[in-house]
Amino acid sequence: MERIATAVIAAGVFMLLQPFSMALYTYSFLTTLAGTALFTIVSKFPE
């Protein structure tokens, strides 16, 4: 689950840095925020 959260964060950063689509840029912050929240929650799970 941590890998999925990390992938969501990476997708959000990619969306923020790409120069092609304004729609992707618009949702990049929400994607990064959701990935960070997911990572925070998932990291509390026991292994």
PDB file of N, CA and C in Angstrom:
ATOM      1  N   MET A   1       0.821  -1.198   0.000  1.00  0.00           N
ATOM      2  CA  MET A   1       0.000   0.000   0.000  1.00  0.00           C
ATOM      3  C   MET A   1       0.867   1.265   0.000  1.00  0.00           C
ATOM      4  N   GLU A   2       2.024   1.188   0.651  1.00  0.00           N
ATOM      5  CA  GLU A   2       2.904   2.359   0.646  1.00  0.00           C
ATOM      6  C   GLU A   2       3.409   2.655  -0.757  1.00  0.00           C
ATOM      7  N   ARG A   3       3.618   1.611  -1.541  1.00  0.00           N
ATOM      8  CA  ARG A   3       4.070   1.818  -2.926  1.00  0.00           C
ATOM      9  C   ARG A   3       2.993   2.515  -3.752  1.00  0.00           C
ATOM     10  N   ILE A   4       1.744   2.170  -3.520  1.00  0.00           N
ATOM     11  CA  ILE A   4       0.648   2.824  -4.234  1.00  0.00           C
ATOM     12  C   ILE A   4       0.581   4.294  -3.852  1.00  0.00           C
ATOM     13  N   ALA A   5       0.695   4.583  -2.548  1.00  0.00           N
ATOM     14  CA  ALA A   5       0.668   5.967  -2.086  1.00  0.00           C
ATOM     15  C   ALA A   5       1.834   6.758  -2.669  1.00  0.00           C
ATOM     16  N   THR A   6       2.998   6.135  -2.723  1.00  0.00           N
ATOM     17  CA  THR A   6       4.164   6.799  -3.301  1.00  0.00           C
ATOM     18  C   THR A   6       3.961   7.054  -4.793  1.00  0.00           C
ATOM     19  N   ALA A   7       3.339   6.118  -5.479  1.00  0.00           N
ATOM     20  CA  ALA A   7       3.057   6.294  -6.902  1.00  0.00           C
ATOM     21  C   ALA A   7       2.065   7.430  -7.133  1.00  0.00           C
ATOM     22  N   VAL A   8       1.082   7.570  -6.250  1.00  0.00           N
ATOM     23  CA  VAL A   8       0.121   8.667  -6.371  1.00  0.00           C
ATOM     24  C   VAL A   8       0.828  10.006  -6.157  1.00  0.00           C
ATOM     25  N   ILE A   9       1.726  10.065  -5.193  1.00  0.00           N
ATOM     26  CA  ILE A   9       2.492  11.298  -4.961  1.00  0.00           C
ATOM     27  C   ILE A   9       3.352  11.619  -6.179  1.00  0.00           C
ATOM     28  N   ALA A  10       4.022  10.617  -6.721  1.00  0.00           N
ATOM     29  CA  ALA A  10       4.859  10.827  -7.905  1.00  0.00           C
ATOM     30  C   ALA A  10       4.021  11.279  -9.098  1.00  0.00           C
ATOM     31  N   ALA A  11       2.830  10.725  -9.252  1.00  0.00           N
ATOM     32  CA  ALA A  11       1.945  11.151 -10.339  1.00  0.00           C
ATOM     33  C   ALA A  11       1.540  12.604 -10.159  1.00  0.00           C
ATOM     34  N   GLY A  12       1.263  13.001  -8.923  1.00  0.00           N
ATOM     35  CA  GLY A  12       0.911  14.393  -8.656  1.00  0.00           C
ATOM     36  C   GLY A  12       2.039  15.345  -8.980  1.00  0.00           C
ATOM     37  N   VAL A  13       3.263  14.972  -8.635  1.00  0.00           N
ATOM     38  CA  VAL A  13       4.415  15.822  -8.954  1.00  0.00           C
ATOM     39  C   VAL A  13       4.624  15.884 -10.466  1.00  0.00           C
ATOM     40  N   PHE A  14       4.467  14.754 -11.140  1.00  0.00           N
ATOM     41  CA  PHE A  14       4.578  14.748 -12.603  1.00  0.00           C
ATOM     42  C   PHE A  14       3.520  15.667 -13.223  1.00  0.00           C
ATOM     43  N   MET A  15       2.292  15.582 -12.697  1.00  0.00           N
ATOM     44  CA  MET A  15       1.211  16.430 -13.214  1.00  0.00           C
ATOM     45  C   MET A  15       1.537  17.905 -12.994  1.00  0.00           C
ATOM     46  N   LEU A  16       2.204  18.217 -11.898  1.00  0.00           N
ATOM     47  CA  LEU A  16       2.563  19.598 -11.591  1.00  0.00           C
ATOM     48  C   LEU A  16       3.636  20.127 -12.537  1.00  0.00           C
ATOM     49  N   LEU A  17       4.560  19.268 -12.940  1.00  0.00           N
ATOM     50  CA  LEU A  17       5.717  19.719 -13.710  1.00  0.00           C
ATOM     51  C   LEU A  17       5.557  19.600 -15.221  1.00  0.00           C
ATOM     52  N   GLN A  18       4.515  18.947 -15.695  1.00  0.00           N
ATOM     53  CA  GLN A  18       4.366  18.768 -17.143  1.00  0.00           C
ATOM     54  C   GLN A  18       3.839  20.056 -17.797  1.00  0.00           C
ATOM     55  N   PRO A  19       4.279  20.360 -19.024  1.00  0.00           N
ATOM     56  CA  PRO A  19       3.860  21.602 -19.678  1.00  0.00           C
ATOM     57  C   PRO A  19       2.727  21.437 -20.698  1.00  0.00           C
ATOM     58  N   PHE A  20       2.062  20.278 -20.746  1.00  0.00           N
ATOM     59  CA  PHE A  20       1.157  19.985 -21.850  1.00  0.00           C
ATOM     60  C   PHE A  20      -0.305  20.291 -21.564  1.00  0.00           C
ATOM     61  N   SER A  21      -0.788  19.950 -20.388  1.00  0.00           N
ATOM     62  CA  SER A  21      -2.218  20.000 -20.126  1.00  0.00           C
ATOM     63  C   SER A  21      -2.518  20.846 -18.896  1.00  0.00           C
ATOM     64  N   MET A  22      -3.374  21.832 -19.066  1.00  0.00           N
ATOM     65  CA  MET A  22      -3.771  22.669 -17.939  1.00  0.00           C
ATOM     66  C   MET A  22      -4.670  21.891 -16.983  1.00  0.00           C
ATOM     67  N   ALA A  23      -5.440  20.932 -17.489  1.00  0.00           N
ATOM     68  CA  ALA A  23      -6.311  20.130 -16.631  1.00  0.00           C
ATOM     69  C   ALA A  23      -5.488  19.274 -15.666  1.00  0.00           C
ATOM     70  N   LEU A  24      -4.410  18.677 -16.155  1.00  0.00           N
ATOM     71  CA  LEU A  24      -3.542  17.895 -15.271  1.00  0.00           C
ATOM     72  C   LEU A  24      -2.914  18.794 -14.214  1.00  0.00           C
ATOM     73  N   TYR A  25      -2.477  19.972 -14.635  1.00  0.00           N
ATOM     74  CA  TYR A  25      -1.874  20.920 -13.689  1.00  0.00           C
ATOM     75  C   TYR A  25      -2.878  21.333 -12.624  1.00  0.00           C
ATOM     76  N   THR A  26      -4.135  21.498 -13.015  1.00  0.00           N
ATOM     77  CA  THR A  26      -5.171  21.926 -12.089  1.00  0.00           C
ATOM     78  C   THR A  26      -5.379  20.913 -10.973  1.00  0.00           C
ATOM     79  N   TYR A  27      -5.345  19.635 -11.284  1.00  0.00           N
ATOM     80  CA  TYR A  27      -5.598  18.599 -10.290  1.00  0.00           C
ATOM     81  C   TYR A  27      -4.332  18.046  -9.644  1.00  0.00           C
ATOM     82  N   SER A  28      -3.177  18.600  -9.970  1.00  0.00           N
ATOM     83  CA  SER A  28      -1.922  18.067  -9.439  1.00  0.00           C
ATOM     84  C   SER A  28      -1.815  18.238  -7.930  1.00  0.00           C
ATOM     85  N   PHE A  29      -2.242  19.371  -7.401  1.00  0.00           N
ATOM     86  CA  PHE A  29      -2.149  19.587  -5.954  1.00  0.00           C
ATOM     87  C   PHE A  29      -3.047  18.623  -5.207  1.00  0.00           C
ATOM     88  N   LEU A  30      -4.273  18.430  -5.693  1.00  0.00           N
ATOM     89  CA  LEU A  30      -5.182  17.499  -5.029  1.00  0.00           C
ATOM     90  C   LEU A  30      -4.655  16.066  -5.080  1.00  0.00           C
ATOM     91  N   THR A  31      -4.038  15.700  -6.188  1.00  0.00           N
ATOM     92  CA  THR A  31      -3.478  14.358  -6.317  1.00  0.00           C
ATOM     93  C   THR A  31      -2.322  14.162  -5.338  1.00  0.00           C
ATOM     94  N   THR A  32      -1.435  15.149  -5.266  1.00  0.00           N
ATOM     95  CA  THR A  32      -0.311  15.062  -4.337  1.00  0.00           C
ATOM     96  C   THR A  32      -0.801  15.043  -2.896  1.00  0.00           C
ATOM     97  N   LEU A  33      -1.787  15.854  -2.597  1.00  0.00           N
ATOM     98  CA  LEU A  33      -2.350  15.898  -1.243  1.00  0.00           C
ATOM     99  C   LEU A  33      -3.006  14.566  -0.879  1.00  0.00           C
ATOM    100  N   ALA A  34      -3.745  13.981  -1.798  1.00  0.00           N
ATOM    101  CA  ALA A  34      -4.390  12.692  -1.545  1.00  0.00           C
ATOM    102  C   ALA A  34      -3.337  11.599  -1.340  1.00  0.00           C
ATOM    103  N   GLY A  35      -2.279  11.610  -2.129  1.00  0.00           N
ATOM    104  CA  GLY A  35      -1.212  10.629  -1.958  1.00  0.00           C
ATOM    105  C   GLY A  35      -0.500  10.780  -0.626  1.00  0.00           C
ATOM    106  N   THR A  36      -0.296  12.015  -0.199  1.00  0.00           N
ATOM    107  CA  THR A  36       0.345  12.259   1.092  1.00  0.00           C
ATOM    108  C   THR A  36      -0.540  11.793   2.240  1.00  0.00           C
ATOM    109  N   ALA A  37      -1.829  12.086   2.158  1.00  0.00           N
ATOM    110  CA  ALA A  37      -2.753  11.630   3.194  1.00  0.00           C
ATOM    111  C   ALA A  37      -2.832  10.107   3.217  1.00  0.00           C
ATOM    112  N   LEU A  38      -2.871   9.494   2.046  1.00  0.00           N
ATOM    113  CA  LEU A  38      -2.899   8.033   1.964  1.00  0.00           C
ATOM    114  C   LEU A  38      -1.629   7.430   2.559  1.00  0.00           C
ATOM    115  N   PHE A  39      -0.494   8.031   2.255  1.00  0.00           N
ATOM    116  CA  PHE A  39       0.766   7.520   2.795  1.00  0.00           C
ATOM    117  C   PHE A  39       0.799   7.644   4.316  1.00  0.00           C
ATOM    118  N   THR A  40       0.304   8.763   4.834  1.00  0.00           N
ATOM    119  CA  THR A  40       0.264   8.958   6.283  1.00  0.00           C
ATOM    120  C   THR A  40      -0.601   7.905   6.954  1.00  0.00           C
ATOM    121  N   ILE A  41      -1.734   7.595   6.377  1.00  0.00           N
ATOM    122  CA  ILE A  41      -2.641   6.595   6.948  1.00  0.00           C
ATOM    123  C   ILE A  41      -2.041   5.200   6.818  1.00  0.00           C
ATOM    124  N   VAL A  42      -1.540   4.870   5.638  1.00  0.00           N
ATOM    125  CA  VAL A  42      -1.031   3.527   5.371  1.00  0.00           C
ATOM    126  C   VAL A  42       0.223   3.232   6.196  1.00  0.00           C
ATOM    127  N   SER A  43       1.035   4.241   6.453  1.00  0.00           N
ATOM    128  CA  SER A  43       2.276   4.007   7.186  1.00  0.00           C
ATOM    129  C   SER A  43       2.018   3.625   8.641  1.00  0.00           C
ATOM    130  N   LYS A  44       0.809   3.836   9.129  1.00  0.00           N
ATOM    131  CA  LYS A  44       0.460   3.460  10.490  1.00  0.00           C
ATOM    132  C   LYS A  44       0.045   1.987  10.611  1.00  0.00           C
ATOM    133  N   PHE A  45      -0.216   1.327   9.474  1.00  0.00           N
ATOM    134  CA  PHE A  45      -0.604  -0.071   9.481  1.00  0.00           C
ATOM    135  C   PHE A  45       0.565  -0.945   9.924  1.00  0.00           C
ATOM    136  N   PRO A  46       0.309  -2.014  10.669  1.00  0.00           N
ATOM    137  CA  PRO A  46       1.400  -2.930  10.998  1.00  0.00           C
ATOM    138  C   PRO A  46       1.807  -3.727   9.743  1.00  0.00           C
ATOM    139  N   GLU A  47       3.029  -4.122   9.690  1.00  0.00           N
ATOM    140  CA  GLU A  47       3.508  -4.847   8.503  1.00  0.00           C
ATOM    141  C   GLU A  47       3.097  -6.249   8.492  1.00  0.00           C
TER     142      GLU A  47
END
